[in-house]
Amino acid sequence: MTNLDKMKENVIEQIKEMGIEEFENLLNCCDSFNVGEDSVFNCENIFPCTACREFFGYCGEENHDAGYNCLGQFEKYARMEVTK
């Protein structure tokens, strides 16, 4: 095992221990690094804002910068059974 393998395992274990709010914060952090072609982490299949708007049909976007409804909608989605 390499040091890289060990570091990856550590990150995976930390993610497994996260609650919904912590996981959403991690995704927001990762998403903020995804600018153009230099994306660090692909969040497309992990319920980004565009998927949330599509799924719920609304956002409260006028209050989006204040975090309006984001965590609530993320939590609802996270607790749902997988459909695909």
C-alpha atoms as a PDB file:
ATOM      1  CA  MET A   1       0.000   0.000   0.000  1.00  0.00           C
ATOM      2  CA  THR A   2       1.283   3.448  -0.859  1.00  0.00           C
ATOM      3  CA  ASN A   3       0.880   6.634   1.139  1.00  0.00           C
ATOM      4  CA  LEU A   4      -1.580   7.785  -1.528  1.00  0.00           C
ATOM      5  CA  ASP A   5      -3.700   4.663  -0.974  1.00  0.00           C
ATOM      6  CA  LYS A   6      -3.676   5.284   2.783  1.00  0.00           C
ATOM      7  CA  MET A   7      -4.700   8.932   2.361  1.00  0.00           C
ATOM      8  CA  LYS A   8      -7.551   7.944   0.048  1.00  0.00           C
ATOM      9  CA  GLU A   9      -8.770   5.366   2.574  1.00  0.00           C
ATOM     10  CA  ASN A  10      -8.701   8.022   5.276  1.00  0.00           C
ATOM     11  CA  VAL A  11     -10.822  10.394   3.191  1.00  0.00           C
ATOM     12  CA  ILE A  12     -13.307   7.607   2.399  1.00  0.00           C
ATOM     13  CA  GLU A  13     -13.635   6.705   6.092  1.00  0.00           C
ATOM     14  CA  GLN A  14     -14.236  10.339   7.026  1.00  0.00           C
ATOM     15  CA  ILE A  15     -16.944  10.629   4.369  1.00  0.00           C
ATOM     16  CA  LYS A  16     -18.649   7.460   5.627  1.00  0.00           C
ATOM     17  CA  GLU A  17     -18.859   8.996   9.117  1.00  0.00           C
ATOM     18  CA  MET A  18     -20.414  12.286   7.946  1.00  0.00           C
ATOM     19  CA  GLY A  19     -23.971  13.300   8.600  1.00  0.00           C
ATOM     20  CA  ILE A  20     -26.150  14.952   5.957  1.00  0.00           C
ATOM     21  CA  GLU A  21     -25.148  18.532   6.776  1.00  0.00           C
ATOM     22  CA  GLU A  22     -21.438  17.704   6.897  1.00  0.00           C
ATOM     23  CA  PHE A  23     -21.683  15.856   3.578  1.00  0.00           C
ATOM     24  CA  GLU A  24     -23.518  18.765   1.950  1.00  0.00           C
ATOM     25  CA  ASN A  25     -20.800  21.124   3.218  1.00  0.00           C
ATOM     26  CA  LEU A  26     -18.138  18.853   1.724  1.00  0.00           C
ATOM     27  CA  LEU A  27     -19.934  18.833  -1.629  1.00  0.00           C
ATOM     28  CA  ASN A  28     -20.227  22.621  -1.582  1.00  0.00           C
ATOM     29  CA  CYS A  29     -16.497  22.826  -0.887  1.00  0.00           C
ATOM     30  CA  CYS A  30     -15.686  20.404  -3.700  1.00  0.00           C
ATOM     31  CA  ASP A  31     -18.038  22.172  -6.080  1.00  0.00           C
ATOM     32  CA  SER A  32     -16.347  25.518  -5.414  1.00  0.00           C
ATOM     33  CA  PHE A  33     -13.112  24.048  -6.800  1.00  0.00           C
ATOM     34  CA  ASN A  34     -14.827  22.955 -10.025  1.00  0.00           C
ATOM     35  CA  VAL A  35     -14.086  25.825 -12.351  1.00  0.00           C
ATOM     36  CA  GLY A  36     -13.910  25.146 -16.065  1.00  0.00           C
ATOM     37  CA  GLU A  37     -11.569  22.464 -17.281  1.00  0.00           C
ATOM     38  CA  ASP A  38      -9.608  22.381 -14.016  1.00  0.00           C
ATOM     39  CA  SER A  39     -12.299  20.486 -12.121  1.00  0.00           C
ATOM     40  CA  VAL A  40     -10.951  18.703  -9.075  1.00  0.00           C
ATOM     41  CA  PHE A  41     -14.029  16.673  -8.180  1.00  0.00           C
ATOM     42  CA  ASN A  42     -17.017  15.688 -10.318  1.00  0.00           C
ATOM     43  CA  CYS A  43     -20.189  16.605  -8.412  1.00  0.00           C
ATOM     44  CA  GLU A  44     -22.583  16.048 -11.323  1.00  0.00           C
ATOM     45  CA  ASN A  45     -24.007  12.808  -9.929  1.00  0.00           C
ATOM     46  CA  ILE A  46     -24.117  14.039  -6.353  1.00  0.00           C
ATOM     47  CA  PHE A  47     -27.171  16.327  -6.491  1.00  0.00           C
ATOM     48  CA  PRO A  48     -25.742  19.733  -7.476  1.00  0.00           C
ATOM     49  CA  CYS A  49     -27.943  22.856  -7.592  1.00  0.00           C
ATOM     50  CA  THR A  50     -29.056  22.170 -11.169  1.00  0.00           C
ATOM     51  CA  ALA A  51     -30.251  18.669 -10.257  1.00  0.00           C
ATOM     52  CA  CYS A  52     -31.994  20.009  -7.150  1.00  0.00           C
ATOM     53  CA  ARG A  53     -33.910  22.616  -9.171  1.00  0.00           C
ATOM     54  CA  GLU A  54     -34.861  19.966 -11.719  1.00  0.00           C
ATOM     55  CA  PHE A  55     -35.940  17.447  -9.062  1.00  0.00           C
ATOM     56  CA  PHE A  56     -37.915  19.789  -6.780  1.00  0.00           C
ATOM     57  CA  GLY A  57     -39.014  22.265  -9.459  1.00  0.00           C
ATOM     58  CA  TYR A  58     -38.169  25.300  -7.312  1.00  0.00           C
ATOM     59  CA  CYS A  59     -35.243  26.755  -5.452  1.00  0.00           C
ATOM     60  CA  GLY A  60     -35.939  30.006  -3.686  1.00  0.00           C
ATOM     61  CA  GLU A  61     -33.108  31.284  -5.858  1.00  0.00           C
ATOM     62  CA  GLU A  62     -33.687  34.898  -4.832  1.00  0.00           C
ATOM     63  CA  ASN A  63     -32.439  33.831  -1.390  1.00  0.00           C
ATOM     64  CA  HIS A  64     -29.944  31.245  -2.666  1.00  0.00           C
ATOM     65  CA  ASP A  65     -26.885  33.117  -1.364  1.00  0.00           C
ATOM     66  CA  ALA A  66     -28.340  32.980   2.141  1.00  0.00           C
ATOM     67  CA  GLY A  67     -28.564  29.183   1.851  1.00  0.00           C
ATOM     68  CA  TYR A  68     -32.341  29.367   1.675  1.00  0.00           C
ATOM     69  CA  ASN A  69     -33.832  25.900   1.521  1.00  0.00           C
ATOM     70  CA  CYS A  70     -30.630  24.280   0.217  1.00  0.00           C
ATOM     71  CA  LEU A  71     -29.910  22.088   3.215  1.00  0.00           C
ATOM     72  CA  GLY A  72     -33.601  21.243   3.673  1.00  0.00           C
ATOM     73  CA  GLN A  73     -33.999  20.091   0.092  1.00  0.00           C
ATOM     74  CA  PHE A  74     -30.656  18.272   0.149  1.00  0.00           C
ATOM     75  CA  GLU A  75     -31.729  16.478   3.333  1.00  0.00           C
ATOM     76  CA  LYS A  76     -35.093  15.446   1.827  1.00  0.00           C
ATOM     77  CA  TYR A  77     -33.324  14.068  -1.237  1.00  0.00           C
ATOM     78  CA  ALA A  78     -30.606  12.344   0.802  1.00  0.00           C
ATOM     79  CA  ARG A  79     -33.169  10.484   2.929  1.00  0.00           C
ATOM     80  CA  MET A  80     -35.158   9.211  -0.080  1.00  0.00           C
ATOM     81  CA  GLU A  81     -34.703   5.657  -1.292  1.00  0.00           C
ATOM     82  CA  VAL A  82     -32.610   5.302  -4.445  1.00  0.00           C
ATOM     83  CA  THR A  83     -34.813   5.116  -7.537  1.00  0.00           C
ATOM     84  CA  LYS A  84     -32.282   4.322 -10.264  1.00  0.00           C
END
